[in-house]
PDB file of N, CA and C in Angstrom:
ATOM      1  N   MET A   1      14.109 -12.707  11.575  1.00  0.00           N
ATOM      2  CA  MET A   1      12.627 -12.928  11.655  1.00  0.00           C
ATOM      3  C   MET A   1      12.441 -13.718  13.051  1.00  0.00           C
ATOM      4  N   ASP A   2      11.242 -13.615  13.647  1.00  0.00           N
ATOM      5  CA  ASP A   2      10.862 -14.268  14.708  1.00  0.00           C
ATOM      6  C   ASP A   2      10.108 -15.585  14.155  1.00  0.00           C
ATOM      7  N   ASP A   3      10.479 -16.845  14.721  1.00  0.00           N
ATOM      8  CA  ASP A   3      10.403 -17.888  14.199  1.00  0.00           C
ATOM      9  C   ASP A   3       8.861 -18.626  14.492  1.00  0.00           C
ATOM     10  N   LYS A   4       8.209 -17.806  15.549  1.00  0.00           N
ATOM     11  CA  LYS A   4       6.881 -18.152  15.749  1.00  0.00           C
ATOM     12  C   LYS A   4       5.713 -17.281  15.067  1.00  0.00           C
ATOM     13  N   VAL A   5       6.374 -16.481  14.001  1.00  0.00           N
ATOM     14  CA  VAL A   5       5.689 -15.723  13.237  1.00  0.00           C
ATOM     15  C   VAL A   5       5.626 -15.862  11.628  1.00  0.00           C
ATOM     16  N   TYR A   6       4.796 -16.005  10.880  1.00  0.00           N
ATOM     17  CA  TYR A   6       4.762 -16.066   9.507  1.00  0.00           C
ATOM     18  C   TYR A   6       4.112 -15.295   8.819  1.00  0.00           C
ATOM     19  N   LYS A   7       4.740 -14.377   7.815  1.00  0.00           N
ATOM     20  CA  LYS A   7       4.053 -13.232   7.316  1.00  0.00           C
ATOM     21  C   LYS A   7       3.911 -13.813   5.797  1.00  0.00           C
ATOM     22  N   VAL A   8       2.531 -13.619   5.499  1.00  0.00           N
ATOM     23  CA  VAL A   8       2.137 -14.019   4.206  1.00  0.00           C
ATOM     24  C   VAL A   8       2.252 -12.943   3.404  1.00  0.00           C
ATOM     25  N   ALA A   9       3.059 -13.161   2.002  1.00  0.00           N
ATOM     26  CA  ALA A   9       3.323 -11.818   0.965  1.00  0.00           C
ATOM     27  C   ALA A   9       2.774 -12.341  -0.181  1.00  0.00           C
ATOM     28  N   SER A  10       2.464 -11.168  -0.963  1.00  0.00           N
ATOM     29  CA  SER A  10       1.929 -11.249  -2.264  1.00  0.00           C
ATOM     30  C   SER A  10       2.706 -11.894  -3.178  1.00  0.00           C
ATOM     31  N   PRO A  11       2.567 -12.910  -4.063  1.00  0.00           N
ATOM     32  CA  PRO A  11       3.540 -13.447  -4.938  1.00  0.00           C
ATOM     33  C   PRO A  11       3.418 -12.463  -6.236  1.00  0.00           C
ATOM     34  N   VAL A  12       2.543 -11.675  -6.625  1.00  0.00           N
ATOM     35  CA  VAL A  12       2.419 -10.700  -7.751  1.00  0.00           C
ATOM     36  C   VAL A  12       1.855  -9.206  -7.374  1.00  0.00           C
ATOM     37  N   MET A  13       2.280  -8.562  -8.162  1.00  0.00           N
ATOM     38  CA  MET A  13       1.523  -7.351  -8.065  1.00  0.00           C
ATOM     39  C   MET A  13       0.036  -7.393  -8.569  1.00  0.00           C
ATOM     40  N   GLY A  14      -0.980  -6.777  -7.686  1.00  0.00           N
ATOM     41  CA  GLY A  14      -2.177  -7.122  -8.131  1.00  0.00           C
ATOM     42  C   GLY A  14      -3.228  -6.438  -7.021  1.00  0.00           C
ATOM     43  N   THR A  15      -4.544  -6.768  -6.861  1.00  0.00           N
ATOM     44  CA  THR A  15      -5.508  -6.407  -5.963  1.00  0.00           C
ATOM     45  C   THR A  15      -5.992  -7.323  -4.994  1.00  0.00           C
ATOM     46  N   PHE A  16      -5.761  -6.947  -3.508  1.00  0.00           N
ATOM     47  CA  PHE A  16      -5.867  -8.076  -2.727  1.00  0.00           C
ATOM     48  C   PHE A  16      -7.500  -8.035  -2.410  1.00  0.00           C
ATOM     49  N   TYR A  17      -7.992  -9.387  -2.128  1.00  0.00           N
ATOM     50  CA  TYR A  17      -9.481  -9.512  -1.757  1.00  0.00           C
ATOM     51  C   TYR A  17      -9.341 -10.658  -0.722  1.00  0.00           C
ATOM     52  N   ARG A  18     -10.131 -10.176   0.341  1.00  0.00           N
ATOM     53  CA  ARG A  18     -10.371 -10.773   1.566  1.00  0.00           C
ATOM     54  C   ARG A  18     -11.332 -12.122   1.386  1.00  0.00           C
ATOM     55  N   ALA A  19     -12.127 -12.104   0.290  1.00  0.00           N
ATOM     56  CA  ALA A  19     -13.168 -13.467   0.034  1.00  0.00           C
ATOM     57  C   ALA A  19     -12.932 -13.633  -1.519  1.00  0.00           C
ATOM     58  N   SER A  20     -13.252 -15.057  -1.542  1.00  0.00           N
ATOM     59  CA  SER A  20     -12.830 -15.764  -2.852  1.00  0.00           C
ATOM     60  C   SER A  20     -13.972 -15.022  -4.009  1.00  0.00           C
ATOM     61  N   VAL A  21     -15.231 -14.788  -3.737  1.00  0.00           N
ATOM     62  CA  VAL A  21     -16.420 -14.082  -4.406  1.00  0.00           C
ATOM     63  C   VAL A  21     -16.829 -12.890  -3.712  1.00  0.00           C
ATOM     64  N   SER A  22     -17.064 -12.090  -4.566  1.00  0.00           N
ATOM     65  CA  SER A  22     -17.762 -10.660  -4.114  1.00  0.00           C
ATOM     66  C   SER A  22     -19.042 -11.053  -3.202  1.00  0.00           C
ATOM     67  N   GLY A  23     -19.086 -10.301  -2.317  1.00  0.00           N
ATOM     68  CA  GLY A  23     -20.106 -10.641  -1.161  1.00  0.00           C
ATOM     69  C   GLY A  23     -20.427 -11.713  -0.281  1.00  0.00           C
ATOM     70  N   GLN A  24     -19.193 -12.430  -0.416  1.00  0.00           N
ATOM     71  CA  GLN A  24     -18.910 -13.593   0.450  1.00  0.00           C
ATOM     72  C   GLN A  24     -18.391 -13.217   1.509  1.00  0.00           C
ATOM     73  N   PRO A  25     -18.709 -14.048   2.786  1.00  0.00           N
ATOM     74  CA  PRO A  25     -17.734 -13.605   4.035  1.00  0.00           C
ATOM     75  C   PRO A  25     -16.184 -13.774   3.543  1.00  0.00           C
ATOM     76  N   PRO A  26     -15.570 -12.954   4.357  1.00  0.00           N
ATOM     77  CA  PRO A  26     -13.913 -12.979   4.280  1.00  0.00           C
ATOM     78  C   PRO A  26     -13.544 -14.419   4.572  1.00  0.00           C
ATOM     79  N   LEU A  27     -12.460 -14.767   4.011  1.00  0.00           N
ATOM     80  CA  LEU A  27     -11.690 -16.235   3.999  1.00  0.00           C
ATOM     81  C   LEU A  27     -11.116 -16.321   5.479  1.00  0.00           C
ATOM     82  N   ILE A  28     -10.719 -15.339   5.947  1.00  0.00           N
ATOM     83  CA  ILE A  28     -10.270 -15.250   7.351  1.00  0.00           C
ATOM     84  C   ILE A  28     -10.462 -14.146   8.082  1.00  0.00           C
ATOM     85  N   GLU A  29     -10.334 -14.031   9.468  1.00  0.00           N
ATOM     86  CA  GLU A  29     -10.736 -13.123  10.438  1.00  0.00           C
ATOM     87  C   GLU A  29      -9.544 -12.982  11.464  1.00  0.00           C
ATOM     88  N   VAL A  30      -9.048 -11.867  12.155  1.00  0.00           N
ATOM     89  CA  VAL A  30      -8.294 -11.967  13.084  1.00  0.00           C
ATOM     90  C   VAL A  30      -8.617 -12.732  14.414  1.00  0.00           C
ATOM     91  N   GLY A  31      -7.785 -13.615  14.648  1.00  0.00           N
ATOM     92  CA  GLY A  31      -8.111 -14.334  15.895  1.00  0.00           C
ATOM     93  C   GLY A  31      -8.301 -15.770  15.399  1.00  0.00           C
ATOM     94  N   GLN A  32      -8.608 -15.964  14.236  1.00  0.00           N
ATOM     95  CA  GLN A  32      -8.970 -17.215  13.646  1.00  0.00           C
ATOM     96  C   GLN A  32      -7.881 -18.160  13.635  1.00  0.00           C
ATOM     97  N   LYS A  33      -7.986 -19.509  13.943  1.00  0.00           N
ATOM     98  CA  LYS A  33      -7.172 -20.387  13.745  1.00  0.00           C
ATOM     99  C   LYS A  33      -7.311 -21.137  12.479  1.00  0.00           C
ATOM    100  N   ILE A  34      -6.144 -21.165  11.975  1.00  0.00           N
ATOM    101  CA  ILE A  34      -6.100 -21.720  10.378  1.00  0.00           C
ATOM    102  C   ILE A  34      -5.100 -22.995  10.294  1.00  0.00           C
ATOM    103  N   SER A  35      -5.218 -23.832   9.205  1.00  0.00           N
ATOM    104  CA  SER A  35      -4.445 -24.849   9.030  1.00  0.00           C
ATOM    105  C   SER A  35      -3.308 -24.398   7.729  1.00  0.00           C
ATOM    106  N   ALA A  36      -2.414 -25.322   7.928  1.00  0.00           N
ATOM    107  CA  ALA A  36      -1.636 -25.145   6.679  1.00  0.00           C
ATOM    108  C   ALA A  36      -2.185 -25.561   5.352  1.00  0.00           C
ATOM    109  N   SER A  37      -2.026 -24.732   4.348  1.00  0.00           N
ATOM    110  CA  SER A  37      -2.471 -24.679   3.054  1.00  0.00           C
ATOM    111  C   SER A  37      -3.921 -24.216   2.927  1.00  0.00           C
ATOM    112  N   ASP A  38      -4.532 -23.862   3.976  1.00  0.00           N
ATOM    113  CA  ASP A  38      -5.824 -22.992   3.989  1.00  0.00           C
ATOM    114  C   ASP A  38      -5.578 -21.718   3.092  1.00  0.00           C
ATOM    115  N   ILE A  39      -6.736 -21.313   2.209  1.00  0.00           N
ATOM    116  CA  ILE A  39      -6.755 -20.158   1.607  1.00  0.00           C
ATOM    117  C   ILE A  39      -6.907 -19.013   2.359  1.00  0.00           C
ATOM    118  N   VAL A  40      -6.030 -17.914   2.399  1.00  0.00           N
ATOM    119  CA  VAL A  40      -6.170 -16.837   3.489  1.00  0.00           C
ATOM    120  C   VAL A  40      -6.616 -15.479   2.746  1.00  0.00           C
ATOM    121  N   CYS A  41      -6.578 -15.423   1.328  1.00  0.00           N
ATOM    122  CA  CYS A  41      -6.946 -14.165   0.443  1.00  0.00           C
ATOM    123  C   CYS A  41      -6.802 -14.568  -0.902  1.00  0.00           C
ATOM    124  N   VAL A  42      -7.168 -13.737  -1.638  1.00  0.00           N
ATOM    125  CA  VAL A  42      -6.889 -13.728  -3.106  1.00  0.00           C
ATOM    126  C   VAL A  42      -6.350 -12.375  -3.958  1.00  0.00           C
ATOM    127  N   ILE A  43      -5.579 -12.829  -4.659  1.00  0.00           N
ATOM    128  CA  ILE A  43      -4.750 -11.585  -5.368  1.00  0.00           C
ATOM    129  C   ILE A  43      -5.218 -11.731  -6.694  1.00  0.00           C
ATOM    130  N   GLU A  44      -5.794 -10.548  -7.244  1.00  0.00           N
ATOM    131  CA  GLU A  44      -6.187 -10.401  -8.652  1.00  0.00           C
ATOM    132  C   GLU A  44      -5.334  -9.482  -9.420  1.00  0.00           C
ATOM    133  N   SER A  45      -4.684 -10.134 -10.753  1.00  0.00           N
ATOM    134  CA  SER A  45      -3.715  -9.560 -11.428  1.00  0.00           C
ATOM    135  C   SER A  45      -4.112  -9.698 -12.963  1.00  0.00           C
ATOM    136  N   MET A  46      -4.436  -8.743 -13.499  1.00  0.00           N
ATOM    137  CA  MET A  46      -4.590  -8.839 -15.061  1.00  0.00           C
ATOM    138  C   MET A  46      -5.725  -9.783 -15.255  1.00  0.00           C
ATOM    139  N   LYS A  47      -6.938  -9.941 -14.544  1.00  0.00           N
ATOM    140  CA  LYS A  47      -8.140 -10.740 -14.640  1.00  0.00           C
ATOM    141  C   LYS A  47      -7.803 -12.123 -14.288  1.00  0.00           C
ATOM    142  N   ILE A  48      -6.444 -12.470 -13.611  1.00  0.00           N
ATOM    143  CA  ILE A  48      -6.089 -13.777 -13.087  1.00  0.00           C
ATOM    144  C   ILE A  48      -6.313 -13.420 -11.691  1.00  0.00           C
ATOM    145  N   PHE A  49      -6.955 -14.783 -11.006  1.00  0.00           N
ATOM    146  CA  PHE A  49      -7.072 -14.591  -9.593  1.00  0.00           C
ATOM    147  C   PHE A  49      -6.457 -15.839  -9.062  1.00  0.00           C
ATOM    148  N   THR A  50      -5.477 -15.316  -8.270  1.00  0.00           N
ATOM    149  CA  THR A  50      -4.803 -16.415  -7.638  1.00  0.00           C
ATOM    150  C   THR A  50      -4.956 -16.444  -6.133  1.00  0.00           C
ATOM    151  N   GLU A  51      -5.285 -17.794  -5.631  1.00  0.00           N
ATOM    152  CA  GLU A  51      -5.403 -18.154  -4.250  1.00  0.00           C
ATOM    153  C   GLU A  51      -4.257 -18.389  -3.488  1.00  0.00           C
ATOM    154  N   ILE A  52      -4.085 -17.497  -2.426  1.00  0.00           N
ATOM    155  CA  ILE A  52      -2.863 -17.455  -1.575  1.00  0.00           C
ATOM    156  C   ILE A  52      -3.221 -18.332  -0.417  1.00  0.00           C
ATOM    157  N   ARG A  53      -2.297 -19.347  -0.255  1.00  0.00           N
ATOM    158  CA  ARG A  53      -2.571 -20.224   0.942  1.00  0.00           C
ATOM    159  C   ARG A  53      -1.405 -20.125   1.896  1.00  0.00           C
ATOM    160  N   SER A  54      -1.844 -20.608   3.486  1.00  0.00           N
ATOM    161  CA  SER A  54      -0.804 -20.484   4.350  1.00  0.00           C
ATOM    162  C   SER A  54       0.039 -21.584   4.400  1.00  0.00           C
ATOM    163  N   GLU A  55       1.273 -21.248   4.557  1.00  0.00           N
ATOM    164  CA  GLU A  55       2.214 -22.254   4.508  1.00  0.00           C
ATOM    165  C   GLU A  55       2.349 -23.224   5.815  1.00  0.00           C
ATOM    166  N   TYR A  56       1.803 -22.297   6.909  1.00  0.00           N
ATOM    167  CA  TYR A  56       1.813 -23.046   8.334  1.00  0.00           C
ATOM    168  C   TYR A  56       0.543 -22.876   9.021  1.00  0.00           C
ATOM    169  N   ALA A  57       0.225 -23.964   9.906  1.00  0.00           N
ATOM    170  CA  ALA A  57      -1.004 -23.591  10.751  1.00  0.00           C
ATOM    171  C   ALA A  57      -0.558 -22.530  11.713  1.00  0.00           C
ATOM    172  N   GLY A  58      -1.685 -21.899  12.240  1.00  0.00           N
ATOM    173  CA  GLY A  58      -1.430 -20.784  13.241  1.00  0.00           C
ATOM    174  C   GLY A  58      -2.864 -20.030  13.392  1.00  0.00           C
ATOM    175  N   VAL A  59      -2.658 -18.858  14.219  1.00  0.00           N
ATOM    176  CA  VAL A  59      -3.766 -18.068  14.473  1.00  0.00           C
ATOM    177  C   VAL A  59      -3.424 -16.455  13.759  1.00  0.00           C
ATOM    178  N   VAL A  60      -4.563 -16.062  13.115  1.00  0.00           N
ATOM    179  CA  VAL A  60      -4.535 -14.840  12.400  1.00  0.00           C
ATOM    180  C   VAL A  60      -4.113 -13.709  13.361  1.00  0.00           C
ATOM    181  N   LYS A  61      -3.027 -13.041  13.248  1.00  0.00           N
ATOM    182  CA  LYS A  61      -2.676 -11.830  14.314  1.00  0.00           C
ATOM    183  C   LYS A  61      -3.274 -10.728  13.831  1.00  0.00           C
ATOM    184  N   GLU A  62      -2.795 -10.384  12.395  1.00  0.00           N
ATOM    185  CA  GLU A  62      -2.995  -9.102  11.811  1.00  0.00           C
ATOM    186  C   GLU A  62      -3.259  -9.092  10.365  1.00  0.00           C
ATOM    187  N   ILE A  63      -4.161  -8.450   9.781  1.00  0.00           N
ATOM    188  CA  ILE A  63      -4.496  -8.347   8.456  1.00  0.00           C
ATOM    189  C   ILE A  63      -3.958  -6.908   8.016  1.00  0.00           C
ATOM    190  N   LEU A  64      -2.787  -6.909   7.045  1.00  0.00           N
ATOM    191  CA  LEU A  64      -2.133  -5.415   6.959  1.00  0.00           C
ATOM    192  C   LEU A  64      -2.678  -4.800   5.998  1.00  0.00           C
ATOM    193  N   VAL A  65      -3.712  -5.318   5.050  1.00  0.00           N
ATOM    194  CA  VAL A  65      -4.081  -4.317   3.919  1.00  0.00           C
ATOM    195  C   VAL A  65      -5.684  -4.440   4.285  1.00  0.00           C
ATOM    196  N   GLU A  66      -6.286  -3.580   3.315  1.00  0.00           N
ATOM    197  CA  GLU A  66      -7.748  -3.396   3.289  1.00  0.00           C
ATOM    198  C   GLU A  66      -8.120  -4.292   2.088  1.00  0.00           C
ATOM    199  N   ASN A  67      -9.336  -4.808   1.995  1.00  0.00           N
ATOM    200  CA  ASN A  67     -10.022  -5.437   0.925  1.00  0.00           C
ATOM    201  C   ASN A  67     -10.119  -4.278  -0.024  1.00  0.00           C
ATOM    202  N   GLU A  68      -9.497  -4.839  -1.498  1.00  0.00           N
ATOM    203  CA  GLU A  68      -9.541  -4.507  -2.667  1.00  0.00           C
ATOM    204  C   GLU A  68      -8.410  -3.381  -2.745  1.00  0.00           C
ATOM    205  N   GLU A  69      -7.576  -3.356  -1.741  1.00  0.00           N
ATOM    206  CA  GLU A  69      -6.241  -2.702  -2.018  1.00  0.00           C
ATOM    207  C   GLU A  69      -5.154  -2.904  -2.736  1.00  0.00           C
ATOM    208  N   PRO A  70      -4.706  -1.975  -3.796  1.00  0.00           N
ATOM    209  CA  PRO A  70      -3.676  -2.674  -4.582  1.00  0.00           C
ATOM    210  C   PRO A  70      -2.397  -3.018  -3.781  1.00  0.00           C
ATOM    211  N   VAL A  71      -1.724  -3.907  -4.047  1.00  0.00           N
ATOM    212  CA  VAL A  71      -0.742  -4.501  -3.188  1.00  0.00           C
ATOM    213  C   VAL A  71       0.619  -4.704  -4.372  1.00  0.00           C
ATOM    214  N   MET A  72       1.878  -4.886  -3.856  1.00  0.00           N
ATOM    215  CA  MET A  72       2.941  -4.850  -4.853  1.00  0.00           C
ATOM    216  C   MET A  72       3.420  -6.489  -4.373  1.00  0.00           C
ATOM    217  N   LYS A  73       4.355  -6.882  -5.470  1.00  0.00           N
ATOM    218  CA  LYS A  73       4.970  -8.199  -5.173  1.00  0.00           C
ATOM    219  C   LYS A  73       5.731  -8.132  -4.285  1.00  0.00           C
ATOM    220  N   ARG A  74       5.715  -9.130  -3.384  1.00  0.00           N
ATOM    221  CA  ARG A  74       6.460  -9.506  -2.039  1.00  0.00           C
ATOM    222  C   ARG A  74       5.985  -8.510  -0.849  1.00  0.00           C
ATOM    223  N   GLN A  75       4.869  -7.765  -1.269  1.00  0.00           N
ATOM    224  CA  GLN A  75       4.285  -6.840  -0.124  1.00  0.00           C
ATOM    225  C   GLN A  75       3.480  -7.823   0.993  1.00  0.00           C
ATOM    226  N   GLU A  76       4.040  -7.551   2.283  1.00  0.00           N
ATOM    227  CA  GLU A  76       3.539  -8.406   3.554  1.00  0.00           C
ATOM    228  C   GLU A  76       1.877  -8.166   3.573  1.00  0.00           C
ATOM    229  N   LEU A  77       1.012  -9.167   3.513  1.00  0.00           N
ATOM    230  CA  LEU A  77      -0.255  -9.075   3.628  1.00  0.00           C
ATOM    231  C   LEU A  77      -0.881  -9.230   5.224  1.00  0.00           C
ATOM    232  N   ILE A  78      -0.316 -10.486   5.675  1.00  0.00           N
ATOM    233  CA  ILE A  78      -1.065 -11.236   6.865  1.00  0.00           C
ATOM    234  C   ILE A  78      -0.268 -11.763   7.797  1.00  0.00           C
ATOM    235  N   ILE A  79      -0.187 -11.407   9.048  1.00  0.00           N
ATOM    236  CA  ILE A  79       0.641 -12.016   9.921  1.00  0.00           C
ATOM    237  C   ILE A  79       0.068 -13.255  10.924  1.00  0.00           C
ATOM    238  N   ILE A  80       0.727 -14.340  10.691  1.00  0.00           N
ATOM    239  CA  ILE A  80       0.165 -15.547  11.366  1.00  0.00           C
ATOM    240  C   ILE A  80       1.214 -15.888  12.541  1.00  0.00           C
ATOM    241  N   GLU A  81       0.559 -16.223  13.661  1.00  0.00           N
ATOM    242  CA  GLU A  81       1.364 -16.810  14.717  1.00  0.00           C
ATOM    243  C   GLU A  81       1.340 -18.460  14.508  1.00  0.00           C
ATOM    244  N   LYS A  82       2.418 -19.046  14.622  1.00  0.00           N
ATOM    245  CA  LYS A  82       2.587 -20.339  13.999  1.00  0.00           C
ATOM    246  C   LYS A  82       2.231 -21.272  15.514  1.00  0.00           C
ATOM    247  N   ILE A  83       1.504 -22.285  15.382  1.00  0.00           N
ATOM    248  CA  ILE A  83       1.154 -23.255  16.396  1.00  0.00           C
ATOM    249  C   ILE A  83       1.825 -24.577  15.978  1.00  0.00           C
TER     250      ILE A  83
END
């Protein structure tokens, strides 16, 4: 794997959400700079909402899934170029 790229993966099977609350703006956008520990998405599984945080500071390069799309455990969700 490229050392300059970090791939955020889902820790659980569930539904991917780009915002913490319905109707709110997305937590991240492509091209946005983020810090380590920033919340980048939310996964809902069995009515439990898990905030997913970035492990690294970087720039969001790609969001691989659509809002409200079902995801599998360990599925790659977001690609971040580390800075």
